[in-house]
Amino acid sequence: MNNKLKNKNVLITAGAQGIGEAITQQLIDSGAHVAIHYFSSSERAEQLAQLAISQGQKGIAIGGDLTKEEDADRLVESTVQALGGLDILINNAGSLVARKELGNIDTAFWHKVMDINLTSMLFVTRAASPHLIKNEQSSIVNLASLAGRKGGHAGSLAYATSKGAILTFTRALSSELGPQGVRVNAVAPGLILGTAFHNTHTTKESAAKTVSGIPINRAGNADDVARAVLFLASEYDGFIAGATIDINGGSYNM
């Protein structure tokens, strides 16, 4: 439980599967009101919203394609209408899409990865920022990746580039919004098993090789990431700004 999140209004993108689902669950457990964006996981999003409502909190599930500007605007508008305001934004939506090395990356694929991971974040954050600024203190947490630090495994050039850009987006946005009471931070997860992302894009052999190089001798899980996200989200009145927490078991240190 994070009591600083009780009764806070939170929007989380892609909040019904994988890391997003774990974040949403922990937000509900901490007493937050939640707007849960989904692209395809409508059933789980509705279940989580009903869970929040059953505990006396506000909850709403909102579908949309965040690579479309109008969907991102509608998401934020619906969130504010349902919750009564917005205190915290968690930009979790993103995807590797597919593994493609340089010679196989066509223009359409490049733009698709950038739009899903980066442009969608711009759209949602731009729409949300006026509502966040209205508060005395607010918080944004962006989901980056260890790939944005190290470059990722073979075939993740476009993905790693987009996640590296999120690290810079976070620092720049922190400088811009900090004076207006909005603290912006990020997390950069490493190997997080048990999610659709790695079930789809990471072989068992690759995962085993990665785990063998992790000092604490295990892969991460979605709850490991969610705990760090909730900590940063709750630091709307703290001194942490423009920072990225690396969640990788010690396999990479800045």
C-alpha atoms as a PDB file:
ATOM      1  CA  MET A   1       0.000   0.000   0.000  1.00  0.00           C
ATOM      2  CA  ASN A   2       1.173   3.496  -0.888  1.00  0.00           C
ATOM      3  CA  ASN A   3      -1.009   5.869   1.138  1.00  0.00           C
ATOM      4  CA  LYS A   4       0.194   8.891  -0.832  1.00  0.00           C
ATOM      5  CA  LEU A   5      -1.787   7.560  -3.794  1.00  0.00           C
ATOM      6  CA  LYS A   6      -5.113   7.273  -1.982  1.00  0.00           C
ATOM      7  CA  ASN A   7      -7.847   9.203  -3.806  1.00  0.00           C
ATOM      8  CA  LYS A   8      -5.428  10.367  -6.495  1.00  0.00           C
ATOM      9  CA  ASN A   9      -6.745  10.363 -10.062  1.00  0.00           C
ATOM     10  CA  VAL A  10      -4.508   8.259 -12.289  1.00  0.00           C
ATOM     11  CA  LEU A  11      -4.511   7.554 -16.012  1.00  0.00           C
ATOM     12  CA  ILE A  12      -2.480   4.549 -17.162  1.00  0.00           C
ATOM     13  CA  THR A  13      -2.068   3.663 -20.821  1.00  0.00           C
ATOM     14  CA  ALA A  14      -2.116  -0.025 -21.786  1.00  0.00           C
ATOM     15  CA  GLY A  15      -3.142  -0.712 -18.217  1.00  0.00           C
ATOM     16  CA  ALA A  16      -4.798  -4.101 -18.643  1.00  0.00           C
ATOM     17  CA  GLN A  17      -1.994  -6.474 -19.577  1.00  0.00           C
ATOM     18  CA  GLY A  18       1.568  -7.292 -18.586  1.00  0.00           C
ATOM     19  CA  ILE A  19       3.391  -4.594 -16.651  1.00  0.00           C
ATOM     20  CA  GLY A  20       0.434  -2.264 -17.112  1.00  0.00           C
ATOM     21  CA  GLU A  21      -1.931  -4.689 -15.434  1.00  0.00           C
ATOM     22  CA  ALA A  22       0.397  -5.047 -12.448  1.00  0.00           C
ATOM     23  CA  ILE A  23       0.647  -1.267 -12.149  1.00  0.00           C
ATOM     24  CA  THR A  24      -3.132  -0.875 -12.298  1.00  0.00           C
ATOM     25  CA  GLN A  25      -3.656  -3.583  -9.690  1.00  0.00           C
ATOM     26  CA  GLN A  26      -1.210  -1.943  -7.298  1.00  0.00           C
ATOM     27  CA  LEU A  27      -2.773   1.476  -7.899  1.00  0.00           C
ATOM     28  CA  ILE A  28      -6.179   0.083  -6.974  1.00  0.00           C
ATOM     29  CA  ASP A  29      -4.712  -1.601  -3.892  1.00  0.00           C
ATOM     30  CA  SER A  30      -3.285   1.794  -2.907  1.00  0.00           C
ATOM     31  CA  GLY A  31      -6.693   3.484  -3.062  1.00  0.00           C
ATOM     32  CA  ALA A  32      -6.272   5.419  -6.297  1.00  0.00           C
ATOM     33  CA  HIS A  33      -9.021   6.237  -8.761  1.00  0.00           C
ATOM     34  CA  VAL A  34      -8.040   4.756 -12.116  1.00  0.00           C
ATOM     35  CA  ALA A  35      -8.703   5.326 -15.790  1.00  0.00           C
ATOM     36  CA  ILE A  36      -7.447   2.237 -17.591  1.00  0.00           C
ATOM     37  CA  HIS A  37      -6.635   2.616 -21.260  1.00  0.00           C
ATOM     38  CA  TYR A  38      -6.651  -0.495 -23.438  1.00  0.00           C
ATOM     39  CA  PHE A  39      -6.142  -1.255 -27.105  1.00  0.00           C
ATOM     40  CA  SER A  40      -7.211  -4.910 -27.240  1.00  0.00           C
ATOM     41  CA  SER A  41      -7.601  -6.112 -23.624  1.00  0.00           C
ATOM     42  CA  SER A  42     -11.102  -4.745 -23.108  1.00  0.00           C
ATOM     43  CA  GLU A  43     -12.366  -7.558 -20.875  1.00  0.00           C
ATOM     44  CA  ARG A  44      -9.515  -7.307 -18.373  1.00  0.00           C
ATOM     45  CA  ALA A  45      -9.679  -3.499 -18.389  1.00  0.00           C
ATOM     46  CA  GLU A  46     -13.379  -3.628 -17.497  1.00  0.00           C
ATOM     47  CA  GLN A  47     -12.667  -6.161 -14.734  1.00  0.00           C
ATOM     48  CA  LEU A  48     -10.032  -3.899 -13.198  1.00  0.00           C
ATOM     49  CA  ALA A  49     -12.319  -0.882 -13.394  1.00  0.00           C
ATOM     50  CA  GLN A  50     -15.065  -2.833 -11.631  1.00  0.00           C
ATOM     51  CA  LEU A  51     -12.578  -3.936  -8.978  1.00  0.00           C
ATOM     52  CA  ALA A  52     -11.789  -0.304  -8.212  1.00  0.00           C
ATOM     53  CA  ILE A  53     -15.497   0.539  -8.038  1.00  0.00           C
ATOM     54  CA  SER A  54     -16.175  -2.425  -5.736  1.00  0.00           C
ATOM     55  CA  GLN A  55     -13.633  -0.976  -3.299  1.00  0.00           C
ATOM     56  CA  GLY A  56     -15.292   2.432  -3.220  1.00  0.00           C
ATOM     57  CA  GLN A  57     -12.983   4.047  -5.762  1.00  0.00           C
ATOM     58  CA  LYS A  58     -13.627   5.396  -9.223  1.00  0.00           C
ATOM     59  CA  GLY A  59     -12.708   3.259 -12.197  1.00  0.00           C
ATOM     60  CA  ILE A  60     -13.214   3.436 -15.937  1.00  0.00           C
ATOM     61  CA  ALA A  61     -11.903   1.464 -18.910  1.00  0.00           C
ATOM     62  CA  ILE A  62     -11.325   3.427 -22.113  1.00  0.00           C
ATOM     63  CA  GLY A  63     -10.305   1.930 -25.447  1.00  0.00           C
ATOM     64  CA  GLY A  64      -8.357   3.667 -28.161  1.00  0.00           C
ATOM     65  CA  ASP A  65      -5.493   3.683 -30.642  1.00  0.00           C
ATOM     66  CA  LEU A  66      -3.073   6.186 -29.149  1.00  0.00           C
ATOM     67  CA  THR A  67      -1.167   6.596 -32.391  1.00  0.00           C
ATOM     68  CA  LYS A  68      -4.230   8.595 -33.444  1.00  0.00           C
ATOM     69  CA  GLU A  69      -4.255  12.096 -32.039  1.00  0.00           C
ATOM     70  CA  GLU A  70      -8.027  12.188 -31.686  1.00  0.00           C
ATOM     71  CA  ASP A  71      -8.070   8.952 -29.660  1.00  0.00           C
ATOM     72  CA  ALA A  72      -5.428  10.295 -27.289  1.00  0.00           C
ATOM     73  CA  ASP A  73      -7.376  13.525 -26.808  1.00  0.00           C
ATOM     74  CA  ARG A  74     -10.579  11.584 -26.195  1.00  0.00           C
ATOM     75  CA  LEU A  75      -8.834   9.329 -23.672  1.00  0.00           C
ATOM     76  CA  VAL A  76      -7.738  12.266 -21.558  1.00  0.00           C
ATOM     77  CA  GLU A  77     -11.086  14.045 -21.880  1.00  0.00           C
ATOM     78  CA  SER A  78     -12.967  10.897 -20.815  1.00  0.00           C
ATOM     79  CA  THR A  79     -10.578  10.366 -17.913  1.00  0.00           C
ATOM     80  CA  VAL A  80     -11.043  13.858 -16.515  1.00  0.00           C
ATOM     81  CA  GLN A  81     -14.797  13.635 -16.943  1.00  0.00           C
ATOM     82  CA  ALA A  82     -15.013  10.261 -15.172  1.00  0.00           C
ATOM     83  CA  LEU A  83     -12.531  10.874 -12.368  1.00  0.00           C
ATOM     84  CA  GLY A  84     -13.066  14.588 -11.846  1.00  0.00           C
ATOM     85  CA  GLY A  85      -9.474  15.552 -12.570  1.00  0.00           C
ATOM     86  CA  LEU A  86      -6.011  14.145 -13.204  1.00  0.00           C
ATOM     87  CA  ASP A  87      -3.111  13.947 -10.766  1.00  0.00           C
ATOM     88  CA  ILE A  88      -0.877  11.255 -12.267  1.00  0.00           C
ATOM     89  CA  LEU A  89      -0.171  10.030 -15.791  1.00  0.00           C
ATOM     90  CA  ILE A  90       1.565   6.725 -16.410  1.00  0.00           C
ATOM     91  CA  ASN A  91       2.698   6.349 -20.021  1.00  0.00           C
ATOM     92  CA  ASN A  92       2.995   2.570 -20.291  1.00  0.00           C
ATOM     93  CA  ALA A  93       1.850   1.815 -23.863  1.00  0.00           C
ATOM     94  CA  GLY A  94       4.506   0.441 -26.208  1.00  0.00           C
ATOM     95  CA  SER A  95       5.621  -2.526 -28.290  1.00  0.00           C
ATOM     96  CA  LEU A  96       8.611  -4.048 -30.033  1.00  0.00           C
ATOM     97  CA  VAL A  97       6.182  -4.964 -32.876  1.00  0.00           C
ATOM     98  CA  ALA A  98       8.700  -7.358 -34.480  1.00  0.00           C
ATOM     99  CA  ARG A  99      12.423  -8.053 -34.580  1.00  0.00           C
ATOM    100  CA  LYS A 100      13.970  -6.549 -37.716  1.00  0.00           C
ATOM    101  CA  GLU A 101      17.604  -5.784 -38.355  1.00  0.00           C
ATOM    102  CA  LEU A 102      18.707  -2.704 -40.262  1.00  0.00           C
ATOM    103  CA  GLY A 103      18.515  -4.153 -43.781  1.00  0.00           C
ATOM    104  CA  ASN A 104      14.925  -5.298 -43.248  1.00  0.00           C
ATOM    105  CA  ILE A 105      13.572  -2.112 -41.703  1.00  0.00           C
ATOM    106  CA  ASP A 106      11.294  -0.404 -44.193  1.00  0.00           C
ATOM    107  CA  THR A 107       9.936   3.081 -43.716  1.00  0.00           C
ATOM    108  CA  ALA A 108       6.451   1.926 -42.709  1.00  0.00           C
ATOM    109  CA  PHE A 109       7.827  -0.356 -39.970  1.00  0.00           C
ATOM    110  CA  TRP A 110      10.102   2.377 -38.622  1.00  0.00           C
ATOM    111  CA  HIS A 111       7.238   4.847 -38.368  1.00  0.00           C
ATOM    112  CA  LYS A 112       4.937   2.245 -36.810  1.00  0.00           C
ATOM    113  CA  VAL A 113       7.385   1.520 -33.965  1.00  0.00           C
ATOM    114  CA  MET A 114       8.056   5.214 -33.380  1.00  0.00           C
ATOM    115  CA  ASP A 115       4.353   6.029 -33.414  1.00  0.00           C
ATOM    116  CA  ILE A 116       3.436   3.285 -30.932  1.00  0.00           C
ATOM    117  CA  ASN A 117       6.249   3.973 -28.479  1.00  0.00           C
ATOM    118  CA  LEU A 118       7.000   7.668 -28.818  1.00  0.00           C
ATOM    119  CA  THR A 119       4.408   9.646 -30.767  1.00  0.00           C
ATOM    120  CA  SER A 120       1.555   8.158 -28.737  1.00  0.00           C
ATOM    121  CA  MET A 121       3.348   9.295 -25.574  1.00  0.00           C
ATOM    122  CA  LEU A 122       3.574  12.814 -26.968  1.00  0.00           C
ATOM    123  CA  PHE A 123      -0.129  12.856 -27.859  1.00  0.00           C
ATOM    124  CA  VAL A 124      -1.322  11.655 -24.435  1.00  0.00           C
ATOM    125  CA  THR A 125       1.105  13.797 -22.449  1.00  0.00           C
ATOM    126  CA  ARG A 126       0.264  16.915 -24.449  1.00  0.00           C
ATOM    127  CA  ALA A 127      -3.447  16.381 -23.851  1.00  0.00           C
ATOM    128  CA  ALA A 128      -2.952  15.581 -20.152  1.00  0.00           C
ATOM    129  CA  SER A 129      -0.508  18.336 -19.221  1.00  0.00           C
ATOM    130  CA  PRO A 130      -3.035  21.193 -18.842  1.00  0.00           C
ATOM    131  CA  HIS A 131      -4.976  19.092 -16.326  1.00  0.00           C
ATOM    132  CA  LEU A 132      -1.845  18.066 -14.440  1.00  0.00           C
ATOM    133  CA  ILE A 133      -0.645  21.669 -14.258  1.00  0.00           C
ATOM    134  CA  LYS A 134      -3.909  22.697 -12.601  1.00  0.00           C
ATOM    135  CA  ASN A 135      -2.842  20.836  -9.458  1.00  0.00           C
ATOM    136  CA  GLU A 136      -0.369  22.083  -6.900  1.00  0.00           C
ATOM    137  CA  GLN A 137       1.698  18.962  -7.583  1.00  0.00           C
ATOM    138  CA  SER A 138       1.375  16.222 -10.185  1.00  0.00           C
ATOM    139  CA  SER A 139       3.429  13.359 -11.544  1.00  0.00           C
ATOM    140  CA  ILE A 140       4.215  11.655 -14.851  1.00  0.00           C
ATOM    141  CA  VAL A 141       5.970   8.287 -15.129  1.00  0.00           C
ATOM    142  CA  ASN A 142       7.165   7.067 -18.529  1.00  0.00           C
ATOM    143  CA  LEU A 143       8.000   3.455 -19.366  1.00  0.00           C
ATOM    144  CA  ALA A 144      11.362   3.245 -21.129  1.00  0.00           C
ATOM    145  CA  SER A 145      13.517   0.101 -21.369  1.00  0.00           C
ATOM    146  CA  LEU A 146      16.966  -1.296 -20.760  1.00  0.00           C
ATOM    147  CA  ALA A 147      17.095  -1.483 -24.571  1.00  0.00           C
ATOM    148  CA  GLY A 148      17.105   2.314 -24.553  1.00  0.00           C
ATOM    149  CA  ARG A 149      20.284   2.204 -22.468  1.00  0.00           C
ATOM    150  CA  LYS A 150      22.163  -0.653 -24.144  1.00  0.00           C
ATOM    151  CA  GLY A 151      20.641  -0.916 -27.613  1.00  0.00           C
ATOM    152  CA  GLY A 152      18.789  -4.176 -27.056  1.00  0.00           C
ATOM    153  CA  HIS A 153      19.236  -7.582 -28.646  1.00  0.00           C
ATOM    154  CA  ALA A 154      19.461  -8.249 -32.371  1.00  0.00           C
ATOM    155  CA  GLY A 155      16.451  -7.015 -34.275  1.00  0.00           C
ATOM    156  CA  SER A 156      15.435  -4.347 -31.788  1.00  0.00           C
ATOM    157  CA  LEU A 157      17.069  -1.336 -33.460  1.00  0.00           C
ATOM    158  CA  ALA A 158      13.840   0.622 -33.979  1.00  0.00           C
ATOM    159  CA  TYR A 159      12.451  -0.299 -30.559  1.00  0.00           C
ATOM    160  CA  ALA A 160      15.671   0.535 -28.722  1.00  0.00           C
ATOM    161  CA  THR A 161      15.912   3.862 -30.526  1.00  0.00           C
ATOM    162  CA  SER A 162      12.374   4.793 -29.524  1.00  0.00           C
ATOM    163  CA  LYS A 163      12.998   3.821 -25.902  1.00  0.00           C
ATOM    164  CA  GLY A 164      16.240   5.783 -25.831  1.00  0.00           C
ATOM    165  CA  ALA A 165      14.266   8.777 -27.064  1.00  0.00           C
ATOM    166  CA  ILE A 166      11.857   8.321 -24.141  1.00  0.00           C
ATOM    167  CA  LEU A 167      14.777   8.791 -21.740  1.00  0.00           C
ATOM    168  CA  THR A 168      15.522  12.143 -23.377  1.00  0.00           C
ATOM    169  CA  PHE A 169      11.813  13.010 -23.618  1.00  0.00           C
ATOM    170  CA  THR A 170      11.594  12.458 -19.854  1.00  0.00           C
ATOM    171  CA  ARG A 171      14.521  14.742 -19.056  1.00  0.00           C
ATOM    172  CA  ALA A 172      13.347  17.491 -21.411  1.00  0.00           C
ATOM    173  CA  LEU A 173       9.747  17.298 -20.203  1.00  0.00           C
ATOM    174  CA  SER A 174      10.916  17.429 -16.594  1.00  0.00           C
ATOM    175  CA  SER A 175      12.722  20.701 -17.267  1.00  0.00           C
ATOM    176  CA  GLU A 176       9.673  22.122 -19.039  1.00  0.00           C
ATOM    177  CA  LEU A 177       6.937  21.048 -16.626  1.00  0.00           C
ATOM    178  CA  GLY A 178       8.875  21.079 -13.344  1.00  0.00           C
ATOM    179  CA  PRO A 179       8.382  24.810 -12.757  1.00  0.00           C
ATOM    180  CA  GLN A 180       4.643  24.222 -13.140  1.00  0.00           C
ATOM    181  CA  GLY A 181       4.514  21.584 -10.403  1.00  0.00           C
ATOM    182  CA  VAL A 182       4.701  18.443 -12.543  1.00  0.00           C
ATOM    183  CA  ARG A 183       7.488  15.978 -11.788  1.00  0.00           C
ATOM    184  CA  VAL A 184       8.417  13.733 -14.696  1.00  0.00           C
ATOM    185  CA  ASN A 185      10.391  10.505 -14.286  1.00  0.00           C
ATOM    186  CA  ALA A 186      10.836   7.154 -16.007  1.00  0.00           C
ATOM    187  CA  VAL A 187      11.628   3.508 -15.385  1.00  0.00           C
ATOM    188  CA  ALA A 188      13.763   1.315 -17.628  1.00  0.00           C
ATOM    189  CA  PRO A 189      12.911  -2.379 -17.122  1.00  0.00           C
ATOM    190  CA  GLY A 190      15.269  -5.132 -18.200  1.00  0.00           C
ATOM    191  CA  LEU A 191      14.214  -8.758 -18.673  1.00  0.00           C
ATOM    192  CA  ILE A 192      10.683  -8.978 -17.261  1.00  0.00           C
ATOM    193  CA  LEU A 193       9.349 -12.480 -17.812  1.00  0.00           C
ATOM    194  CA  GLY A 194       5.734 -13.617 -17.652  1.00  0.00           C
ATOM    195  CA  THR A 195       4.479 -10.844 -19.928  1.00  0.00           C
ATOM    196  CA  ALA A 196       3.102 -11.037 -23.454  1.00  0.00           C
ATOM    197  CA  PHE A 197       6.028  -8.915 -24.636  1.00  0.00           C
ATOM    198  CA  HIS A 198       8.716 -11.453 -23.766  1.00  0.00           C
ATOM    199  CA  ASN A 199       6.467 -14.448 -24.395  1.00  0.00           C
ATOM    200  CA  THR A 200       6.210 -13.187 -27.964  1.00  0.00           C
ATOM    201  CA  HIS A 201       9.639 -11.732 -28.666  1.00  0.00           C
ATOM    202  CA  THR A 202      12.123 -13.552 -26.396  1.00  0.00           C
ATOM    203  CA  THR A 203      13.094 -17.194 -26.795  1.00  0.00           C
ATOM    204  CA  LYS A 204      13.692 -19.413 -23.782  1.00  0.00           C
ATOM    205  CA  GLU A 205      17.337 -19.728 -24.823  1.00  0.00           C
ATOM    206  CA  SER A 206      17.772 -15.960 -25.018  1.00  0.00           C
ATOM    207  CA  ALA A 207      16.067 -15.459 -21.662  1.00  0.00           C
ATOM    208  CA  ALA A 208      18.267 -18.094 -20.001  1.00  0.00           C
ATOM    209  CA  LYS A 209      21.398 -16.447 -21.393  1.00  0.00           C
ATOM    210  CA  THR A 210      20.283 -13.047 -20.134  1.00  0.00           C
ATOM    211  CA  VAL A 211      19.428 -14.391 -16.672  1.00  0.00           C
ATOM    212  CA  SER A 212      22.880 -15.957 -16.405  1.00  0.00           C
ATOM    213  CA  GLY A 213      24.356 -12.456 -16.568  1.00  0.00           C
ATOM    214  CA  ILE A 214      22.065 -10.897 -13.956  1.00  0.00           C
ATOM    215  CA  PRO A 215      23.888 -10.490 -10.605  1.00  0.00           C
ATOM    216  CA  ILE A 216      20.846 -11.352  -8.472  1.00  0.00           C
ATOM    217  CA  ASN A 217      20.336 -14.563 -10.463  1.00  0.00           C
ATOM    218  CA  ARG A 218      16.752 -14.095 -11.611  1.00  0.00           C
ATOM    219  CA  ALA A 219      14.649 -12.317 -14.188  1.00  0.00           C
ATOM    220  CA  GLY A 220      12.267  -9.572 -13.172  1.00  0.00           C
ATOM    221  CA  ASN A 221       8.486  -9.760 -13.021  1.00  0.00           C
ATOM    222  CA  ALA A 222       5.736  -7.236 -13.613  1.00  0.00           C
ATOM    223  CA  ASP A 223       5.300  -6.498  -9.908  1.00  0.00           C
ATOM    224  CA  ASP A 224       8.981  -5.520  -9.654  1.00  0.00           C
ATOM    225  CA  VAL A 225       8.339  -2.788 -12.195  1.00  0.00           C
ATOM    226  CA  ALA A 226       4.969  -1.768 -10.766  1.00  0.00           C
ATOM    227  CA  ARG A 227       6.433  -1.085  -7.327  1.00  0.00           C
ATOM    228  CA  ALA A 228       8.992   1.321  -8.791  1.00  0.00           C
ATOM    229  CA  VAL A 229       6.369   3.027 -10.940  1.00  0.00           C
ATOM    230  CA  LEU A 230       4.092   3.564  -7.946  1.00  0.00           C
ATOM    231  CA  PHE A 231       6.969   5.000  -5.947  1.00  0.00           C
ATOM    232  CA  LEU A 232       7.774   7.540  -8.663  1.00  0.00           C
ATOM    233  CA  ALA A 233       4.082   8.280  -9.220  1.00  0.00           C
ATOM    234  CA  SER A 234       3.674   9.098  -5.541  1.00  0.00           C
ATOM    235  CA  GLU A 235       6.628  11.499  -5.635  1.00  0.00           C
ATOM    236  CA  TYR A 236       4.448  14.324  -6.979  1.00  0.00           C
ATOM    237  CA  ASP A 237       5.575  16.338  -3.931  1.00  0.00           C
ATOM    238  CA  GLY A 238       9.140  15.028  -3.796  1.00  0.00           C
ATOM    239  CA  PHE A 239      12.571  15.990  -5.100  1.00  0.00           C
ATOM    240  CA  ILE A 240      12.930  13.290  -7.761  1.00  0.00           C
ATOM    241  CA  ALA A 241      12.562  14.777 -11.237  1.00  0.00           C
ATOM    242  CA  GLY A 242      14.002  13.957 -14.636  1.00  0.00           C
ATOM    243  CA  ALA A 243      15.293  10.633 -13.308  1.00  0.00           C
ATOM    244  CA  THR A 244      15.156   7.100 -14.652  1.00  0.00           C
ATOM    245  CA  ILE A 245      15.119   4.085 -12.344  1.00  0.00           C
ATOM    246  CA  ASP A 246      16.794   1.054 -13.917  1.00  0.00           C
ATOM    247  CA  ILE A 247      15.048  -2.208 -13.040  1.00  0.00           C
ATOM    248  CA  ASN A 248      17.343  -4.962 -14.291  1.00  0.00           C
ATOM    249  CA  GLY A 249      18.718  -6.875 -11.299  1.00  0.00           C
ATOM    250  CA  GLY A 250      22.078  -5.142 -11.577  1.00  0.00           C
ATOM    251  CA  SER A 251      22.918  -6.259 -15.116  1.00  0.00           C
ATOM    252  CA  TYR A 252      23.466  -2.674 -16.216  1.00  0.00           C
ATOM    253  CA  ASN A 253      24.524   0.298 -14.106  1.00  0.00           C
ATOM    254  CA  MET A 254      24.923   3.911 -15.139  1.00  0.00           C
END
